Amino acid sequence: MAVVMQIRARAADDTYSTARRADLVQLVDGLSQESRRLESEVSQLEQTKRDLATGTDAQRVAREQAQRRLDALQVLAGTAAAQGPGVRITITDPRNKVSVGVLLDAIEEMRDAGGEVIEINDRIRVVGSSSITGSPGALKIDGQDVGSPILLEVIGEAHALQEAARFRGGLVSEITSAQIGGQITIQAVDRLEVRSLHRAEPHQYARPAR
């Protein structure tokens, strides 16, 4: 049965109430960095608005802004290659215990921590509509075999991504638990290149509004 990331909601639990203080400090630090990134983005948008309002080279500014927006949307949709800093996570699953739910949790944790682009095993681009199917040892993403070990390359703020994975009860805890008995390594990388692309299926019913 397919699990689609767009419609999965993470259930609230008692993780925060039982977490160690050090874990919470790390989480807050990651959130603070994400907040600073968003503030910078807002500042850039406000500057663009001022440039357009002055009328100075308004058409050029509008074109550049439209191109930046298009580039961002293509990266988000997985239809364009991407590069940037991030983390490389390798999951070894000798007992074939990593399930659909575990892999989905890993992807969601990276997205929640600010992961902007995710690639699996150098060939599978993960997007919002990607579906994970199969069974432990025979997982598939969008119909493509995942295989083992599982390599996740995530573009985003490396420190925030690392801390999210290491947060108690998170990805590292889950993979190394007695239930799964796997191993996991996390490496911060200054420059990742993601070249795999997601082939978007044409809409059957939706058309642009005019």
N, C-alpha and C. Protein backbone atom coordinates (compact mmCIF):
# COMPACT_ATOMS: atom_id res chain seq x y z
N MET A 1 0.85 -1.20 0.00
CA MET A 1 0.00 0.00 0.00
C MET A 1 0.88 1.24 0.00
N ALA A 2 0.63 2.17 -0.89
CA ALA A 2 1.47 3.35 -1.03
C ALA A 2 1.25 4.30 0.14
N VAL A 3 2.34 4.96 0.53
CA VAL A 3 2.26 6.00 1.54
C VAL A 3 2.67 7.29 0.86
N VAL A 4 1.78 8.25 0.76
CA VAL A 4 2.06 9.50 0.05
C VAL A 4 2.36 10.58 1.06
N MET A 5 3.53 11.24 0.89
CA MET A 5 3.99 12.17 1.90
C MET A 5 3.13 13.41 2.02
N GLN A 6 2.39 13.76 0.97
CA GLN A 6 1.57 14.96 1.03
C GLN A 6 0.45 14.83 2.06
N ILE A 7 -0.03 13.64 2.31
CA ILE A 7 -1.21 13.50 3.14
C ILE A 7 -0.93 12.88 4.49
N ARG A 8 0.35 12.57 4.76
CA ARG A 8 0.65 11.96 6.04
C ARG A 8 0.83 13.05 7.09
N ALA A 9 0.19 12.92 8.22
CA ALA A 9 0.32 13.88 9.31
C ALA A 9 1.04 13.20 10.46
N ARG A 10 1.97 13.89 11.04
CA ARG A 10 2.72 13.31 12.14
C ARG A 10 1.94 13.49 13.44
N ALA A 11 1.76 12.41 14.13
CA ALA A 11 0.98 12.45 15.37
C ALA A 11 1.79 13.11 16.47
N ALA A 12 1.11 13.91 17.27
CA ALA A 12 1.76 14.53 18.41
C ALA A 12 1.99 13.49 19.49
N ASP A 13 3.15 13.60 20.17
CA ASP A 13 3.43 12.64 21.23
C ASP A 13 4.12 13.37 22.37
N ASP A 14 4.71 12.59 23.27
CA ASP A 14 5.33 13.18 24.46
C ASP A 14 6.83 13.34 24.29
N THR A 15 7.32 13.39 23.06
CA THR A 15 8.76 13.45 22.82
C THR A 15 9.40 14.61 23.55
N TYR A 16 8.79 15.81 23.43
CA TYR A 16 9.42 16.99 24.00
C TYR A 16 9.41 16.96 25.53
N SER A 17 8.34 16.42 26.11
CA SER A 17 8.25 16.40 27.56
C SER A 17 9.26 15.44 28.19
N THR A 18 9.71 14.45 27.42
CA THR A 18 10.64 13.46 27.96
C THR A 18 12.06 13.66 27.45
N ALA A 19 12.27 14.65 26.58
CA ALA A 19 13.59 14.85 25.99
C ALA A 19 14.56 15.45 27.00
N ARG A 20 15.84 15.13 26.82
CA ARG A 20 16.86 15.73 27.66
C ARG A 20 17.02 17.20 27.32
N ARG A 21 17.54 17.96 28.29
CA ARG A 21 17.71 19.39 28.06
C ARG A 21 18.66 19.65 26.89
N ALA A 22 19.74 18.85 26.80
CA ALA A 22 20.70 19.04 25.70
C ALA A 22 20.03 18.84 24.35
N ASP A 23 19.12 17.86 24.29
CA ASP A 23 18.41 17.62 23.03
C ASP A 23 17.54 18.81 22.66
N LEU A 24 16.86 19.36 23.67
CA LEU A 24 15.98 20.50 23.41
C LEU A 24 16.78 21.73 22.99
N VAL A 25 17.95 21.92 23.61
CA VAL A 25 18.80 23.04 23.23
C VAL A 25 19.23 22.91 21.77
N GLN A 26 19.59 21.69 21.37
CA GLN A 26 19.98 21.46 19.98
C GLN A 26 18.83 21.72 19.03
N LEU A 27 17.63 21.31 19.44
CA LEU A 27 16.46 21.52 18.59
C LEU A 27 16.18 23.01 18.43
N VAL A 28 16.24 23.75 19.53
CA VAL A 28 16.00 25.19 19.48
C VAL A 28 17.04 25.87 18.61
N ASP A 29 18.30 25.41 18.71
CA ASP A 29 19.36 25.98 17.88
C ASP A 29 19.06 25.78 16.40
N GLY A 30 18.59 24.58 16.06
CA GLY A 30 18.23 24.31 14.66
C GLY A 30 17.09 25.18 14.20
N LEU A 31 16.08 25.36 15.07
CA LEU A 31 14.94 26.21 14.72
C LEU A 31 15.36 27.66 14.57
N SER A 32 16.31 28.10 15.40
CA SER A 32 16.79 29.48 15.31
C SER A 32 17.48 29.73 13.98
N GLN A 33 18.28 28.76 13.55
CA GLN A 33 18.95 28.91 12.26
C GLN A 33 17.95 28.96 11.12
N GLU A 34 16.92 28.13 11.19
CA GLU A 34 15.90 28.15 10.15
C GLU A 34 15.15 29.48 10.17
N SER A 35 14.92 30.03 11.37
CA SER A 35 14.25 31.32 11.49
C SER A 35 15.08 32.42 10.84
N ARG A 36 16.41 32.38 11.06
CA ARG A 36 17.28 33.39 10.45
C ARG A 36 17.26 33.28 8.93
N ARG A 37 17.21 32.04 8.42
CA ARG A 37 17.16 31.85 6.97
C ARG A 37 15.89 32.46 6.39
N LEU A 38 14.76 32.25 7.08
CA LEU A 38 13.48 32.79 6.61
C LEU A 38 13.47 34.31 6.69
N GLU A 39 14.06 34.86 7.75
CA GLU A 39 14.13 36.32 7.87
C GLU A 39 14.93 36.92 6.72
N SER A 40 16.02 36.24 6.34
CA SER A 40 16.83 36.71 5.21
C SER A 40 16.02 36.68 3.92
N GLU A 41 15.23 35.62 3.75
CA GLU A 41 14.40 35.50 2.54
C GLU A 41 13.35 36.61 2.50
N VAL A 42 12.73 36.91 3.65
CA VAL A 42 11.75 37.99 3.72
C VAL A 42 12.40 39.32 3.37
N SER A 43 13.62 39.54 3.89
CA SER A 43 14.34 40.78 3.60
C SER A 43 14.60 40.94 2.11
N GLN A 44 14.97 39.85 1.45
CA GLN A 44 15.21 39.91 0.01
C GLN A 44 13.93 40.23 -0.76
N LEU A 45 12.83 39.63 -0.34
CA LEU A 45 11.55 39.90 -1.00
C LEU A 45 11.11 41.34 -0.80
N GLU A 46 11.35 41.89 0.39
CA GLU A 46 11.00 43.28 0.65
C GLU A 46 11.83 44.22 -0.22
N GLN A 47 13.11 43.89 -0.41
CA GLN A 47 13.97 44.71 -1.27
C GLN A 47 13.48 44.66 -2.71
N THR A 48 13.06 43.49 -3.17
CA THR A 48 12.51 43.36 -4.52
C THR A 48 11.26 44.22 -4.67
N LYS A 49 10.42 44.21 -3.64
CA LYS A 49 9.20 45.02 -3.67
C LYS A 49 9.53 46.50 -3.79
N ARG A 50 10.55 46.94 -3.04
CA ARG A 50 10.95 48.35 -3.11
C ARG A 50 11.49 48.70 -4.49
N ASP A 51 12.28 47.79 -5.06
CA ASP A 51 12.83 48.04 -6.39
C ASP A 51 11.72 48.18 -7.43
N LEU A 52 10.72 47.33 -7.32
CA LEU A 52 9.60 47.41 -8.26
C LEU A 52 8.79 48.68 -8.07
N ALA A 53 8.65 49.11 -6.82
CA ALA A 53 7.85 50.30 -6.52
C ALA A 53 8.50 51.57 -7.05
N THR A 54 9.83 51.61 -7.10
CA THR A 54 10.51 52.82 -7.57
C THR A 54 10.40 53.00 -9.07
N GLY A 55 10.11 51.91 -9.78
CA GLY A 55 10.00 51.99 -11.23
C GLY A 55 11.34 51.95 -11.93
N THR A 56 12.44 51.93 -11.18
CA THR A 56 13.77 51.89 -11.77
C THR A 56 14.07 50.47 -12.24
N ASP A 57 14.23 50.33 -13.55
CA ASP A 57 14.48 49.01 -14.13
C ASP A 57 13.44 48.00 -13.65
N ALA A 58 12.20 48.43 -13.56
CA ALA A 58 11.16 47.56 -13.00
C ALA A 58 10.98 46.28 -13.81
N GLN A 59 11.04 46.41 -15.13
CA GLN A 59 10.86 45.22 -15.96
C GLN A 59 11.99 44.21 -15.75
N ARG A 60 13.22 44.74 -15.65
CA ARG A 60 14.36 43.85 -15.42
C ARG A 60 14.23 43.15 -14.08
N VAL A 61 13.88 43.90 -13.04
CA VAL A 61 13.72 43.32 -11.71
C VAL A 61 12.62 42.27 -11.72
N ALA A 62 11.52 42.58 -12.41
CA ALA A 62 10.40 41.64 -12.46
C ALA A 62 10.81 40.35 -13.17
N ARG A 63 11.57 40.49 -14.27
CA ARG A 63 12.02 39.30 -14.99
C ARG A 63 12.96 38.45 -14.14
N GLU A 64 13.89 39.13 -13.46
CA GLU A 64 14.83 38.40 -12.62
C GLU A 64 14.11 37.68 -11.48
N GLN A 65 13.14 38.38 -10.89
CA GLN A 65 12.38 37.78 -9.80
C GLN A 65 11.58 36.59 -10.31
N ALA A 66 10.98 36.73 -11.49
CA ALA A 66 10.20 35.63 -12.05
C ALA A 66 11.09 34.43 -12.35
N GLN A 67 12.31 34.69 -12.84
CA GLN A 67 13.23 33.59 -13.13
C GLN A 67 13.68 32.89 -11.86
N ARG A 68 13.96 33.68 -10.81
CA ARG A 68 14.34 33.07 -9.53
C ARG A 68 13.22 32.22 -8.98
N ARG A 69 12.00 32.72 -9.12
CA ARG A 69 10.84 31.97 -8.64
C ARG A 69 10.68 30.68 -9.44
N LEU A 70 10.86 30.77 -10.75
CA LEU A 70 10.76 29.58 -11.59
C LEU A 70 11.83 28.56 -11.22
N ASP A 71 13.06 29.04 -11.02
CA ASP A 71 14.16 28.14 -10.64
C ASP A 71 13.84 27.43 -9.33
N ALA A 72 13.31 28.20 -8.35
CA ALA A 72 12.99 27.61 -7.05
C ALA A 72 11.89 26.57 -7.17
N LEU A 73 10.88 26.86 -7.98
CA LEU A 73 9.78 25.92 -8.16
C LEU A 73 10.24 24.65 -8.87
N GLN A 74 11.15 24.79 -9.83
CA GLN A 74 11.66 23.61 -10.53
C GLN A 74 12.47 22.72 -9.60
N VAL A 75 13.25 23.34 -8.72
CA VAL A 75 14.01 22.55 -7.74
C VAL A 75 13.05 21.85 -6.79
N LEU A 76 12.04 22.58 -6.33
CA LEU A 76 11.06 22.01 -5.41
C LEU A 76 10.31 20.85 -6.06
N ALA A 77 9.99 20.98 -7.33
CA ALA A 77 9.26 19.94 -8.04
C ALA A 77 10.16 18.79 -8.47
N GLY A 78 11.46 18.98 -8.32
CA GLY A 78 12.39 17.91 -8.69
C GLY A 78 12.67 17.83 -10.17
N THR A 79 12.32 18.87 -10.93
CA THR A 79 12.53 18.84 -12.38
C THR A 79 13.80 19.57 -12.80
N ALA A 80 14.59 20.03 -11.84
CA ALA A 80 15.86 20.69 -12.13
C ALA A 80 16.91 20.18 -11.15
N ALA A 81 18.16 20.11 -11.61
CA ALA A 81 19.25 19.70 -10.74
C ALA A 81 19.47 20.77 -9.67
N ALA A 82 20.13 20.39 -8.59
CA ALA A 82 20.35 21.34 -7.49
C ALA A 82 21.71 21.07 -6.86
N GLN A 83 22.23 22.09 -6.21
CA GLN A 83 23.48 21.93 -5.47
C GLN A 83 23.45 22.83 -4.26
N GLY A 84 24.26 22.49 -3.26
CA GLY A 84 24.32 23.28 -2.05
C GLY A 84 24.86 22.46 -0.90
N PRO A 85 25.01 23.08 0.27
CA PRO A 85 25.49 22.35 1.44
C PRO A 85 24.42 21.41 1.98
N GLY A 86 24.83 20.48 2.79
CA GLY A 86 23.85 19.56 3.37
C GLY A 86 24.49 18.41 4.08
N VAL A 87 23.81 17.28 4.09
CA VAL A 87 24.31 16.09 4.78
C VAL A 87 24.17 14.87 3.88
N ARG A 88 25.05 13.92 4.14
CA ARG A 88 25.00 12.62 3.46
C ARG A 88 24.78 11.57 4.55
N ILE A 89 23.65 10.88 4.49
CA ILE A 89 23.28 9.90 5.51
C ILE A 89 23.27 8.51 4.89
N THR A 90 24.01 7.59 5.50
CA THR A 90 24.05 6.21 5.01
C THR A 90 23.43 5.29 6.06
N ILE A 91 22.41 4.56 5.65
CA ILE A 91 21.71 3.63 6.55
C ILE A 91 22.01 2.20 6.09
N THR A 92 22.59 1.42 6.99
CA THR A 92 22.85 0.01 6.72
C THR A 92 21.83 -0.82 7.48
N ASP A 93 21.17 -1.72 6.78
CA ASP A 93 20.05 -2.48 7.35
C ASP A 93 20.30 -3.99 7.15
N PRO A 94 21.23 -4.58 7.93
CA PRO A 94 21.61 -5.98 7.69
C PRO A 94 20.50 -6.98 7.91
N ARG A 95 19.51 -6.61 8.71
CA ARG A 95 18.42 -7.55 9.02
C ARG A 95 17.15 -7.27 8.21
N ASN A 96 17.25 -6.33 7.27
CA ASN A 96 16.08 -5.96 6.45
C ASN A 96 14.87 -5.62 7.32
N LYS A 97 15.08 -4.67 8.22
CA LYS A 97 14.01 -4.25 9.13
C LYS A 97 13.49 -2.84 8.84
N VAL A 98 14.15 -2.13 7.94
CA VAL A 98 13.69 -0.77 7.63
C VAL A 98 12.43 -0.86 6.77
N SER A 99 11.34 -0.37 7.32
CA SER A 99 10.03 -0.48 6.66
C SER A 99 9.68 0.80 5.92
N VAL A 100 8.54 0.77 5.25
CA VAL A 100 8.01 1.97 4.60
C VAL A 100 7.91 3.11 5.60
N GLY A 101 7.36 2.83 6.78
CA GLY A 101 7.17 3.86 7.78
C GLY A 101 8.48 4.46 8.27
N VAL A 102 9.51 3.63 8.44
CA VAL A 102 10.81 4.11 8.90
C VAL A 102 11.44 5.03 7.86
N LEU A 103 11.40 4.62 6.60
CA LEU A 103 11.98 5.46 5.55
C LEU A 103 11.20 6.77 5.40
N LEU A 104 9.89 6.69 5.53
CA LEU A 104 9.07 7.90 5.46
C LEU A 104 9.40 8.83 6.62
N ASP A 105 9.58 8.27 7.82
CA ASP A 105 9.96 9.08 8.97
C ASP A 105 11.29 9.80 8.71
N ALA A 106 12.25 9.09 8.11
CA ALA A 106 13.55 9.69 7.82
C ALA A 106 13.40 10.88 6.88
N ILE A 107 12.62 10.71 5.84
CA ILE A 107 12.41 11.78 4.87
C ILE A 107 11.68 12.96 5.50
N GLU A 108 10.67 12.67 6.30
CA GLU A 108 9.90 13.74 6.95
C GLU A 108 10.77 14.51 7.94
N GLU A 109 11.63 13.80 8.68
CA GLU A 109 12.51 14.48 9.63
C GLU A 109 13.42 15.46 8.90
N MET A 110 13.94 15.05 7.77
CA MET A 110 14.82 15.94 7.01
C MET A 110 14.05 17.14 6.47
N ARG A 111 12.83 16.93 6.01
CA ARG A 111 12.02 18.05 5.53
C ARG A 111 11.68 19.00 6.68
N ASP A 112 11.30 18.45 7.82
CA ASP A 112 10.95 19.27 8.97
C ASP A 112 12.14 20.11 9.44
N ALA A 113 13.36 19.60 9.24
CA ALA A 113 14.57 20.31 9.68
C ALA A 113 15.08 21.28 8.62
N GLY A 114 14.33 21.47 7.55
CA GLY A 114 14.72 22.44 6.54
C GLY A 114 15.36 21.85 5.30
N GLY A 115 15.31 20.53 5.15
CA GLY A 115 15.85 19.91 3.94
C GLY A 115 15.09 20.37 2.71
N GLU A 116 15.78 20.95 1.75
CA GLU A 116 15.13 21.52 0.57
C GLU A 116 15.10 20.55 -0.61
N VAL A 117 16.11 19.70 -0.70
CA VAL A 117 16.21 18.72 -1.79
C VAL A 117 16.67 17.40 -1.18
N ILE A 118 16.02 16.30 -1.57
CA ILE A 118 16.38 14.98 -1.06
C ILE A 118 16.55 14.02 -2.23
N GLU A 119 17.66 13.31 -2.20
CA GLU A 119 17.93 12.29 -3.22
C GLU A 119 18.30 10.98 -2.53
N ILE A 120 17.81 9.88 -3.07
CA ILE A 120 18.09 8.56 -2.52
C ILE A 120 18.99 7.79 -3.48
N ASN A 121 20.10 7.30 -2.95
CA ASN A 121 21.01 6.42 -3.70
C ASN A 121 21.44 6.99 -5.06
N ASP A 122 21.63 8.30 -5.10
CA ASP A 122 22.16 8.99 -6.29
C ASP A 122 21.27 8.90 -7.52
N ARG A 123 20.03 8.42 -7.38
CA ARG A 123 19.22 8.23 -8.59
C ARG A 123 17.73 8.43 -8.39
N ILE A 124 17.27 8.60 -7.16
CA ILE A 124 15.83 8.78 -6.92
C ILE A 124 15.61 10.15 -6.29
N ARG A 125 14.94 11.03 -6.99
CA ARG A 125 14.62 12.37 -6.47
C ARG A 125 13.31 12.28 -5.71
N VAL A 126 13.34 12.69 -4.46
CA VAL A 126 12.15 12.64 -3.61
C VAL A 126 11.46 13.99 -3.63
N VAL A 127 10.17 14.01 -3.95
CA VAL A 127 9.38 15.24 -3.97
C VAL A 127 8.14 15.04 -3.10
N GLY A 128 7.33 16.09 -3.01
CA GLY A 128 6.17 16.03 -2.13
C GLY A 128 5.17 14.96 -2.49
N SER A 129 5.10 14.60 -3.76
CA SER A 129 4.12 13.60 -4.19
C SER A 129 4.69 12.19 -4.27
N SER A 130 5.96 12.03 -3.91
CA SER A 130 6.58 10.70 -4.00
C SER A 130 5.86 9.70 -3.11
N SER A 131 5.78 8.47 -3.58
CA SER A 131 5.16 7.42 -2.78
C SER A 131 6.18 6.34 -2.47
N ILE A 132 6.10 5.82 -1.25
CA ILE A 132 6.99 4.75 -0.80
C ILE A 132 6.16 3.49 -0.66
N THR A 133 6.59 2.43 -1.30
CA THR A 133 5.84 1.17 -1.28
C THR A 133 6.81 0.02 -1.01
N GLY A 134 6.26 -1.19 -0.98
CA GLY A 134 7.08 -2.37 -0.80
C GLY A 134 7.12 -2.85 0.63
N SER A 135 8.13 -3.63 0.94
CA SER A 135 8.29 -4.22 2.26
C SER A 135 9.75 -4.15 2.65
N PRO A 136 10.09 -4.35 3.94
CA PRO A 136 11.49 -4.30 4.36
C PRO A 136 12.38 -5.19 3.48
N GLY A 137 13.46 -4.61 2.99
CA GLY A 137 14.35 -5.33 2.10
C GLY A 137 13.98 -5.21 0.64
N ALA A 138 12.79 -4.69 0.37
CA ALA A 138 12.32 -4.54 -1.02
C ALA A 138 11.52 -3.25 -1.16
N LEU A 139 12.07 -2.16 -0.65
CA LEU A 139 11.37 -0.88 -0.69
C LEU A 139 11.48 -0.24 -2.08
N LYS A 140 10.46 0.53 -2.42
CA LYS A 140 10.44 1.27 -3.68
C LYS A 140 9.98 2.69 -3.41
N ILE A 141 10.55 3.63 -4.16
CA ILE A 141 10.08 5.01 -4.16
C ILE A 141 9.68 5.35 -5.59
N ASP A 142 8.43 5.72 -5.76
CA ASP A 142 7.90 6.01 -7.10
C ASP A 142 8.20 4.87 -8.07
N GLY A 143 8.09 3.64 -7.57
CA GLY A 143 8.28 2.47 -8.42
C GLY A 143 9.72 2.05 -8.64
N GLN A 144 10.68 2.82 -8.11
CA GLN A 144 12.10 2.49 -8.28
C GLN A 144 12.63 1.78 -7.05
N ASP A 145 13.37 0.70 -7.25
CA ASP A 145 13.95 -0.05 -6.14
C ASP A 145 14.93 0.83 -5.37
N VAL A 146 14.80 0.79 -4.04
CA VAL A 146 15.69 1.58 -3.20
C VAL A 146 17.02 0.87 -3.00
N GLY A 147 16.99 -0.42 -2.66
CA GLY A 147 18.22 -1.17 -2.46
C GLY A 147 18.84 -0.91 -1.10
N SER A 148 20.02 -1.48 -0.88
CA SER A 148 20.71 -1.36 0.40
C SER A 148 22.22 -1.32 0.14
N PRO A 149 22.96 -0.49 0.90
CA PRO A 149 22.49 0.43 1.93
C PRO A 149 21.68 1.58 1.33
N ILE A 150 21.03 2.32 2.20
CA ILE A 150 20.21 3.46 1.76
C ILE A 150 21.02 4.74 1.97
N LEU A 151 21.26 5.45 0.89
CA LEU A 151 22.00 6.70 0.96
C LEU A 151 21.05 7.87 0.74
N LEU A 152 20.94 8.73 1.74
CA LEU A 152 20.13 9.95 1.62
C LEU A 152 21.07 11.14 1.51
N GLU A 153 20.92 11.93 0.47
CA GLU A 153 21.65 13.18 0.35
C GLU A 153 20.63 14.30 0.43
N VAL A 154 20.85 15.18 1.39
CA VAL A 154 19.86 16.22 1.69
C VAL A 154 20.53 17.59 1.64
N ILE A 155 20.01 18.47 0.81
CA ILE A 155 20.53 19.84 0.74
C ILE A 155 19.76 20.71 1.73
N GLY A 156 20.52 21.41 2.55
CA GLY A 156 19.92 22.27 3.57
C GLY A 156 21.00 22.70 4.54
N GLU A 157 20.60 23.29 5.66
CA GLU A 157 21.55 23.72 6.67
C GLU A 157 22.05 22.48 7.41
N ALA A 158 23.33 22.17 7.25
CA ALA A 158 23.87 20.89 7.70
C ALA A 158 23.70 20.67 9.20
N HIS A 159 23.96 21.69 9.99
CA HIS A 159 23.88 21.52 11.45
C HIS A 159 22.46 21.17 11.88
N ALA A 160 21.49 21.89 11.34
CA ALA A 160 20.09 21.62 11.71
C ALA A 160 19.68 20.22 11.29
N LEU A 161 20.13 19.78 10.12
CA LEU A 161 19.78 18.44 9.64
C LEU A 161 20.42 17.36 10.51
N GLN A 162 21.68 17.58 10.89
CA GLN A 162 22.36 16.61 11.75
C GLN A 162 21.67 16.49 13.10
N GLU A 163 21.36 17.63 13.69
CA GLU A 163 20.74 17.60 15.02
C GLU A 163 19.35 16.98 14.98
N ALA A 164 18.62 17.20 13.90
CA ALA A 164 17.29 16.58 13.78
C ALA A 164 17.41 15.07 13.74
N ALA A 165 18.40 14.57 13.01
CA ALA A 165 18.58 13.11 12.92
C ALA A 165 19.02 12.51 14.24
N ARG A 166 19.81 13.27 15.01
CA ARG A 166 20.37 12.75 16.26
C ARG A 166 19.50 13.01 17.47
N PHE A 167 18.46 13.80 17.30
CA PHE A 167 17.56 14.09 18.41
C PHE A 167 17.00 12.79 18.98
N ARG A 168 16.96 12.69 20.30
CA ARG A 168 16.52 11.45 20.92
C ARG A 168 15.13 11.04 20.43
N GLY A 169 15.00 9.80 19.98
CA GLY A 169 13.75 9.34 19.41
C GLY A 169 13.66 9.57 17.92
N GLY A 170 14.70 10.19 17.34
CA GLY A 170 14.71 10.49 15.92
C GLY A 170 15.31 9.37 15.10
N LEU A 171 15.84 9.74 13.93
CA LEU A 171 16.29 8.75 12.96
C LEU A 171 17.39 7.85 13.50
N VAL A 172 18.41 8.44 14.12
CA VAL A 172 19.52 7.62 14.64
C VAL A 172 19.02 6.63 15.68
N SER A 173 18.18 7.10 16.60
CA SER A 173 17.63 6.22 17.63
C SER A 173 16.83 5.08 17.01
N GLU A 174 16.06 5.40 15.98
CA GLU A 174 15.20 4.40 15.37
C GLU A 174 16.01 3.33 14.63
N ILE A 175 17.00 3.77 13.86
CA ILE A 175 17.79 2.82 13.06
C ILE A 175 18.64 1.92 13.95
N THR A 176 19.20 2.47 15.01
CA THR A 176 20.09 1.69 15.87
C THR A 176 19.36 0.97 17.00
N SER A 177 18.04 1.06 17.03
CA SER A 177 17.27 0.39 18.08
C SER A 177 17.39 -1.12 17.95
N ALA A 178 17.07 -1.83 19.03
CA ALA A 178 17.12 -3.29 19.02
C ALA A 178 16.15 -3.87 17.99
N GLN A 179 15.07 -3.15 17.74
CA GLN A 179 14.07 -3.64 16.79
C GLN A 179 14.61 -3.70 15.36
N ILE A 180 15.43 -2.72 14.99
CA ILE A 180 15.97 -2.67 13.63
C ILE A 180 17.41 -3.20 13.58
N GLY A 181 18.23 -2.76 14.54
CA GLY A 181 19.60 -3.26 14.60
C GLY A 181 20.47 -2.82 13.44
N GLY A 182 20.22 -1.62 12.93
CA GLY A 182 21.00 -1.12 11.81
C GLY A 182 22.10 -0.17 12.25
N GLN A 183 22.83 0.33 11.27
CA GLN A 183 23.86 1.33 11.53
C GLN A 183 23.58 2.56 10.67
N ILE A 184 24.05 3.70 11.15
CA ILE A 184 23.81 4.94 10.41
C ILE A 184 25.01 5.87 10.58
N THR A 185 25.42 6.49 9.50
CA THR A 185 26.47 7.50 9.55
C THR A 185 25.93 8.78 8.94
N ILE A 186 26.35 9.92 9.50
CA ILE A 186 25.90 11.22 9.02
C ILE A 186 27.13 12.09 8.78
N GLN A 187 27.24 12.62 7.59
CA GLN A 187 28.40 13.44 7.21
C GLN A 187 27.93 14.78 6.68
N ALA A 188 28.45 15.86 7.28
CA ALA A 188 28.16 17.20 6.75
C ALA A 188 29.00 17.42 5.50
N VAL A 189 28.38 17.98 4.47
CA VAL A 189 29.06 18.18 3.19
C VAL A 189 28.88 19.64 2.77
N ASP A 190 29.98 20.27 2.38
CA ASP A 190 29.91 21.68 1.98
C ASP A 190 29.16 21.87 0.66
N ARG A 191 29.28 20.89 -0.23
CA ARG A 191 28.64 21.03 -1.54
C ARG A 191 28.16 19.68 -2.05
N LEU A 192 26.86 19.52 -2.06
CA LEU A 192 26.24 18.33 -2.63
C LEU A 192 25.72 18.67 -4.02
N GLU A 193 25.76 17.71 -4.91
CA GLU A 193 25.17 17.88 -6.23
C GLU A 193 24.09 16.82 -6.41
N VAL A 194 22.89 17.26 -6.67
CA VAL A 194 21.76 16.36 -6.90
C VAL A 194 21.36 16.51 -8.36
N ARG A 195 21.56 15.45 -9.12
CA ARG A 195 21.30 15.52 -10.56
C ARG A 195 20.10 14.68 -11.01
N SER A 196 19.65 13.77 -10.16
CA SER A 196 18.48 12.97 -10.55
C SER A 196 17.26 13.87 -10.62
N LEU A 197 16.34 13.54 -11.50
CA LEU A 197 15.14 14.36 -11.71
C LEU A 197 13.89 13.53 -11.51
N HIS A 198 12.85 14.21 -11.09
CA HIS A 198 11.54 13.57 -10.94
C HIS A 198 10.74 13.83 -12.20
N ARG A 199 10.23 12.78 -12.80
CA ARG A 199 9.41 12.95 -14.00
C ARG A 199 7.97 13.21 -13.58
N ALA A 200 7.54 14.43 -13.78
CA ALA A 200 6.19 14.81 -13.37
C ALA A 200 5.16 14.19 -14.30
N GLU A 201 4.14 13.60 -13.72
CA GLU A 201 3.04 13.04 -14.51
C GLU A 201 2.10 14.17 -14.92
N PRO A 202 1.61 14.17 -16.15
CA PRO A 202 0.68 15.23 -16.58
C PRO A 202 -0.63 15.16 -15.79
N HIS A 203 -1.20 16.33 -15.52
CA HIS A 203 -2.48 16.36 -14.80
C HIS A 203 -3.59 15.84 -15.71
N GLN A 204 -4.43 15.01 -15.15
CA GLN A 204 -5.52 14.45 -15.94
C GLN A 204 -6.71 15.40 -16.03
N TYR A 205 -6.95 16.15 -14.96
CA TYR A 205 -8.13 17.01 -14.93
C TYR A 205 -7.81 18.50 -14.79
N ALA A 206 -6.78 18.83 -14.01
CA ALA A 206 -6.51 20.24 -13.71
C ALA A 206 -5.93 20.97 -14.91
N ARG A 207 -6.39 22.20 -15.11
CA ARG A 207 -5.88 23.07 -16.16
C ARG A 207 -5.68 24.45 -15.56
N PRO A 208 -4.73 25.24 -16.11
CA PRO A 208 -4.54 26.60 -15.58
C PRO A 208 -5.82 27.43 -15.70
N ALA A 209 -6.12 28.21 -14.67
CA ALA A 209 -7.29 29.09 -14.72
C ALA A 209 -6.95 30.30 -15.57
N ARG A 210 -7.92 30.76 -16.34
CA ARG A 210 -7.70 31.92 -17.22
C ARG A 210 -8.69 33.03 -16.87
